[in-house]
PDB file of N, CA and C in Angstrom:
ATOM      1  N   MET A   1       0.817  -1.179   0.000  1.00  0.00           N
ATOM      2  CA  MET A   1       0.000   0.000   0.000  1.00  0.00           C
ATOM      3  C   MET A   1       0.872   1.258   0.000  1.00  0.00           C
ATOM      4  N   ILE A   2       1.936   1.245   0.754  1.00  0.00           N
ATOM      5  CA  ILE A   2       2.801   2.431   0.811  1.00  0.00           C
ATOM      6  C   ILE A   2       3.374   2.737  -0.565  1.00  0.00           C
ATOM      7  N   GLN A   3       3.936   1.730  -1.211  1.00  0.00           N
ATOM      8  CA  GLN A   3       4.570   1.948  -2.512  1.00  0.00           C
ATOM      9  C   GLN A   3       3.543   2.393  -3.546  1.00  0.00           C
ATOM     10  N   TRP A   4       2.373   1.774  -3.535  1.00  0.00           N
ATOM     11  CA  TRP A   4       1.308   2.155  -4.471  1.00  0.00           C
ATOM     12  C   TRP A   4       0.947   3.626  -4.262  1.00  0.00           C
ATOM     13  N   ARG A   5       0.774   4.019  -3.008  1.00  0.00           N
ATOM     14  CA  ARG A   5       0.392   5.394  -2.677  1.00  0.00           C
ATOM     15  C   ARG A   5       1.486   6.374  -3.090  1.00  0.00           C
ATOM     16  N   LYS A   6       2.730   6.044  -2.780  1.00  0.00           N
ATOM     17  CA  LYS A   6       3.839   6.946  -3.095  1.00  0.00           C
ATOM     18  C   LYS A   6       4.092   7.034  -4.598  1.00  0.00           C
ATOM     19  N   ASP A   7       3.934   5.918  -5.315  1.00  0.00           N
ATOM     20  CA  ASP A   7       4.114   5.935  -6.772  1.00  0.00           C
ATOM     21  C   ASP A   7       3.136   6.892  -7.445  1.00  0.00           C
ATOM     22  N   ARG A   8       1.986   7.096  -6.828  1.00  0.00           N
ATOM     23  CA  ARG A   8       0.959   7.962  -7.395  1.00  0.00           C
ATOM     24  C   ARG A   8       0.902   9.334  -6.718  1.00  0.00           C
ATOM     25  N   ASN A   9       1.860   9.586  -5.843  1.00  0.00           N
ATOM     26  CA  ASN A   9       1.938  10.872  -5.139  1.00  0.00           C
ATOM     27  C   ASN A   9       0.636  11.206  -4.409  1.00  0.00           C
ATOM     28  N   ILE A  10       0.075  10.207  -3.741  1.00  0.00           N
ATOM     29  CA  ILE A  10      -1.154  10.404  -2.976  1.00  0.00           C
ATOM     30  C   ILE A  10      -0.776  10.560  -1.509  1.00  0.00           C
ATOM     31  N   PRO A  11      -1.028  11.714  -0.927  1.00  0.00           N
ATOM     32  CA  PRO A  11      -0.705  11.893   0.488  1.00  0.00           C
ATOM     33  C   PRO A  11      -1.638  11.056   1.369  1.00  0.00           C
ATOM     34  N   GLN A  12      -1.162  10.737   2.550  1.00  0.00           N
ATOM     35  CA  GLN A  12      -1.965   9.933   3.483  1.00  0.00           C
ATOM     36  C   GLN A  12      -3.319  10.578   3.749  1.00  0.00           C
ATOM     37  N   ILE A  13      -3.341  11.886   3.863  1.00  0.00           N
ATOM     38  CA  ILE A  13      -4.599  12.566   4.168  1.00  0.00           C
ATOM     39  C   ILE A  13      -5.624  12.378   3.054  1.00  0.00           C
ATOM     40  N   GLN A  14      -5.180  12.407   1.808  1.00  0.00           N
ATOM     41  CA  GLN A  14      -6.098  12.210   0.689  1.00  0.00           C
ATOM     42  C   GLN A  14      -6.639  10.780   0.682  1.00  0.00           C
ATOM     43  N   LEU A  15      -5.765   9.812   0.911  1.00  0.00           N
ATOM     44  CA  LEU A  15      -6.204   8.423   0.954  1.00  0.00           C
ATOM     45  C   LEU A  15      -7.174   8.204   2.109  1.00  0.00           C
ATOM     46  N   ALA A  16      -6.875   8.801   3.247  1.00  0.00           N
ATOM     47  CA  ALA A  16      -7.756   8.681   4.411  1.00  0.00           C
ATOM     48  C   ALA A  16      -9.141   9.248   4.104  1.00  0.00           C
ATOM     49  N   GLU A  17      -9.181  10.379   3.440  1.00  0.00           N
ATOM     50  CA  GLU A  17     -10.467  10.974   3.082  1.00  0.00           C
ATOM     51  C   GLU A  17     -11.251  10.079   2.133  1.00  0.00           C
ATOM     52  N   MET A  18     -10.586   9.481   1.181  1.00  0.00           N
ATOM     53  CA  MET A  18     -11.258   8.598   0.225  1.00  0.00           C
ATOM     54  C   MET A  18     -11.809   7.341   0.888  1.00  0.00           C
ATOM     55  N   LEU A  19     -11.134   6.889   1.939  1.00  0.00           N
ATOM     56  CA  LEU A  19     -11.546   5.662   2.623  1.00  0.00           C
ATOM     57  C   LEU A  19     -12.427   5.938   3.835  1.00  0.00           C
ATOM     58  N   TYR A  20     -12.646   7.215   4.137  1.00  0.00           N
ATOM     59  CA  TYR A  20     -13.451   7.610   5.305  1.00  0.00           C
ATOM     60  C   TYR A  20     -12.842   7.096   6.606  1.00  0.00           C
ATOM     61  N   VAL A  21     -11.522   7.234   6.700  1.00  0.00           N
ATOM     62  CA  VAL A  21     -10.806   6.854   7.922  1.00  0.00           C
ATOM     63  C   VAL A  21      -9.880   8.014   8.291  1.00  0.00           C
ATOM     64  N   SER A  22      -9.257   7.919   9.449  1.00  0.00           N
ATOM     65  CA  SER A  22      -8.327   8.971   9.869  1.00  0.00           C
ATOM     66  C   SER A  22      -6.951   8.750   9.239  1.00  0.00           C
ATOM     67  N   THR A  23      -6.150   9.807   9.247  1.00  0.00           N
ATOM     68  CA  THR A  23      -4.785   9.660   8.754  1.00  0.00           C
ATOM     69  C   THR A  23      -3.994   8.726   9.668  1.00  0.00           C
ATOM     70  N   ALA A  24      -4.347   8.685  10.949  1.00  0.00           N
ATOM     71  CA  ALA A  24      -3.685   7.762  11.878  1.00  0.00           C
ATOM     72  C   ALA A  24      -3.945   6.322  11.461  1.00  0.00           C
ATOM     73  N   THR A  25      -5.146   6.041  10.968  1.00  0.00           N
ATOM     74  CA  THR A  25      -5.462   4.697  10.501  1.00  0.00           C
ATOM     75  C   THR A  25      -4.563   4.323   9.329  1.00  0.00           C
ATOM     76  N   ILE A  26      -4.395   5.231   8.388  1.00  0.00           N
ATOM     77  CA  ILE A  26      -3.529   4.958   7.233  1.00  0.00           C
ATOM     78  C   ILE A  26      -2.096   4.759   7.696  1.00  0.00           C
ATOM     79  N   SER A  27      -1.615   5.650   8.544  1.00  0.00           N
ATOM     80  CA  SER A  27      -0.250   5.549   9.053  1.00  0.00           C
ATOM     81  C   SER A  27      -0.026   4.240   9.802  1.00  0.00           C
ATOM     82  N   ASN A  28      -0.935   3.914  10.684  1.00  0.00           N
ATOM     83  CA  ASN A  28      -0.790   2.678  11.467  1.00  0.00           C
ATOM     84  C   ASN A  28      -0.881   1.441  10.590  1.00  0.00           C
ATOM     85  N   THR A  29      -1.728   1.484   9.576  1.00  0.00           N
ATOM     86  CA  THR A  29      -1.838   0.352   8.655  1.00  0.00           C
ATOM     87  C   THR A  29      -0.545   0.180   7.870  1.00  0.00           C
ATOM     88  N   GLU A  30       0.000   1.276   7.389  1.00  0.00           N
ATOM     89  CA  GLU A  30       1.243   1.207   6.618  1.00  0.00           C
ATOM     90  C   GLU A  30       2.416   0.713   7.478  1.00  0.00           C
ATOM     91  N   ARG A  31       2.390   1.006   8.760  1.00  0.00           N
ATOM     92  CA  ARG A  31       3.465   0.564   9.652  1.00  0.00           C
ATOM     93  C   ARG A  31       3.207  -0.824  10.234  1.00  0.00           C
ATOM     94  N   GLY A  32       2.076  -1.423   9.898  1.00  0.00           N
ATOM     95  CA  GLY A  32       1.757  -2.762  10.375  1.00  0.00           C
ATOM     96  C   GLY A  32       1.217  -2.809  11.785  1.00  0.00           C
ATOM     97  N   LYS A  33       0.793  -1.673  12.311  1.00  0.00           N
ATOM     98  CA  LYS A  33       0.280  -1.617  13.682  1.00  0.00           C
ATOM     99  C   LYS A  33      -1.230  -1.789  13.740  1.00  0.00           C
ATOM    100  N   ARG A  34      -1.869  -1.787  12.597  1.00  0.00           N
ATOM    101  CA  ARG A  34      -3.322  -1.934  12.539  1.00  0.00           C
ATOM    102  C   ARG A  34      -3.682  -2.577  11.214  1.00  0.00           C
ATOM    103  N   LYS A  35      -4.739  -3.359  11.220  1.00  0.00           N
ATOM    104  CA  LYS A  35      -5.258  -3.928   9.979  1.00  0.00           C
ATOM    105  C   LYS A  35      -6.552  -3.211   9.632  1.00  0.00           C
ATOM    106  N   LEU A  36      -6.769  -3.043   8.342  1.00  0.00           N
ATOM    107  CA  LEU A  36      -8.016  -2.437   7.904  1.00  0.00           C
ATOM    108  C   LEU A  36      -9.168  -3.394   8.152  1.00  0.00           C
ATOM    109  N   ARG A  37     -10.302  -2.826   8.521  1.00  0.00           N
ATOM    110  CA  ARG A  37     -11.519  -3.632   8.643  1.00  0.00           C
ATOM    111  C   ARG A  37     -11.943  -4.049   7.242  1.00  0.00           C
ATOM    112  N   PRO A  38     -12.728  -5.118   7.127  1.00  0.00           N
ATOM    113  CA  PRO A  38     -13.113  -5.606   5.785  1.00  0.00           C
ATOM    114  C   PRO A  38     -13.716  -4.524   4.894  1.00  0.00           C
ATOM    115  N   GLU A  39     -14.584  -3.674   5.436  1.00  0.00           N
ATOM    116  CA  GLU A  39     -15.195  -2.639   4.601  1.00  0.00           C
ATOM    117  C   GLU A  39     -14.170  -1.581   4.183  1.00  0.00           C
ATOM    118  N   GLU A  40     -13.202  -1.297   5.040  1.00  0.00           N
ATOM    119  CA  GLU A  40     -12.128  -0.354   4.688  1.00  0.00           C
ATOM    120  C   GLU A  40     -11.243  -0.960   3.610  1.00  0.00           C
ATOM    121  N   LYS A  41     -10.935  -2.219   3.760  1.00  0.00           N
ATOM    122  CA  LYS A  41     -10.094  -2.911   2.781  1.00  0.00           C
ATOM    123  C   LYS A  41     -10.777  -2.943   1.418  1.00  0.00           C
ATOM    124  N   GLN A  42     -12.069  -3.199   1.398  1.00  0.00           N
ATOM    125  CA  GLN A  42     -12.808  -3.225   0.136  1.00  0.00           C
ATOM    126  C   GLN A  42     -12.807  -1.862  -0.536  1.00  0.00           C
ATOM    127  N   ARG A  43     -13.002  -0.795   0.245  1.00  0.00           N
ATOM    128  CA  ARG A  43     -12.947   0.561  -0.322  1.00  0.00           C
ATOM    129  C   ARG A  43     -11.563   0.844  -0.882  1.00  0.00           C
ATOM    130  N   LEU A  44     -10.515   0.429  -0.160  1.00  0.00           N
ATOM    131  CA  LEU A  44      -9.146   0.637  -0.630  1.00  0.00           C
ATOM    132  C   LEU A  44      -8.912  -0.093  -1.946  1.00  0.00           C
ATOM    133  N   LEU A  45      -9.305  -1.344  -2.010  1.00  0.00           N
ATOM    134  CA  LEU A  45      -9.103  -2.117  -3.234  1.00  0.00           C
ATOM    135  C   LEU A  45      -9.861  -1.513  -4.411  1.00  0.00           C
ATOM    136  N   SER A  46     -11.069  -1.059  -4.180  1.00  0.00           N
ATOM    137  CA  SER A  46     -11.852  -0.414  -5.241  1.00  0.00           C
ATOM    138  C   SER A  46     -11.177   0.870  -5.701  1.00  0.00           C
ATOM    139  N   TYR A  47     -10.684   1.643  -4.749  1.00  0.00           N
ATOM    140  CA  TYR A  47      -9.996   2.900  -5.064  1.00  0.00           C
ATOM    141  C   TYR A  47      -8.706   2.626  -5.830  1.00  0.00           C
ATOM    142  N   MET A  48      -7.956   1.638  -5.395  1.00  0.00           N
ATOM    143  CA  MET A  48      -6.710   1.295  -6.084  1.00  0.00           C
ATOM    144  C   MET A  48      -6.998   0.827  -7.510  1.00  0.00           C
ATOM    145  N   ASP A  49      -8.010   0.000  -7.670  1.00  0.00           N
ATOM    146  CA  ASP A  49      -8.377  -0.475  -9.013  1.00  0.00           C
ATOM    147  C   ASP A  49      -8.773   0.678  -9.913  1.00  0.00           C
ATOM    148  N   SER A  50      -9.568   1.597  -9.393  1.00  0.00           N
ATOM    149  CA  SER A  50     -10.027   2.705 -10.240  1.00  0.00           C
ATOM    150  C   SER A  50      -8.869   3.585 -10.675  1.00  0.00           C
ATOM    151  N   LEU A  51      -7.911   3.816  -9.815  1.00  0.00           N
ATOM    152  CA  LEU A  51      -6.750   4.640 -10.191  1.00  0.00           C
ATOM    153  C   LEU A  51      -5.781   3.881 -11.077  1.00  0.00           C
ATOM    154  N   THR A  52      -5.659   2.581 -10.884  1.00  0.00           N
ATOM    155  CA  THR A  52      -4.753   1.781 -11.686  1.00  0.00           C
ATOM    156  C   THR A  52      -5.251   1.707 -13.126  1.00  0.00           C
ATOM    157  N   PHE A  53      -6.558   1.548 -13.312  1.00  0.00           N
ATOM    158  CA  PHE A  53      -7.099   1.442 -14.654  1.00  0.00           C
ATOM    159  C   PHE A  53      -7.041   2.750 -15.415  1.00  0.00           C
ATOM    160  N   ARG A  54      -7.046   3.865 -14.704  1.00  0.00           N
ATOM    161  CA  ARG A  54      -6.929   5.175 -15.355  1.00  0.00           C
ATOM    162  C   ARG A  54      -5.507   5.461 -15.774  1.00  0.00           C
ATOM    163  N   GLY A  55      -4.574   4.719 -15.196  1.00  0.00           N
ATOM    164  CA  GLY A  55      -3.185   4.927 -15.562  1.00  0.00           C
ATOM    165  C   GLY A  55      -2.522   5.811 -14.594  1.00  0.00           C
TER     166      GLY A  55
END
């Protein structure tokens, strides 16, 4: 997730807003201190797919 986010120059705050979570959630997830809940993970995967297909 970190590399995907950084490759696209997406700040943690923007990703957090898209997933309806706090920036602390994104930070903790990236550091392995927290796992996303299933609904958060699904939103992330959908968001990643939509950006990946756009190029």
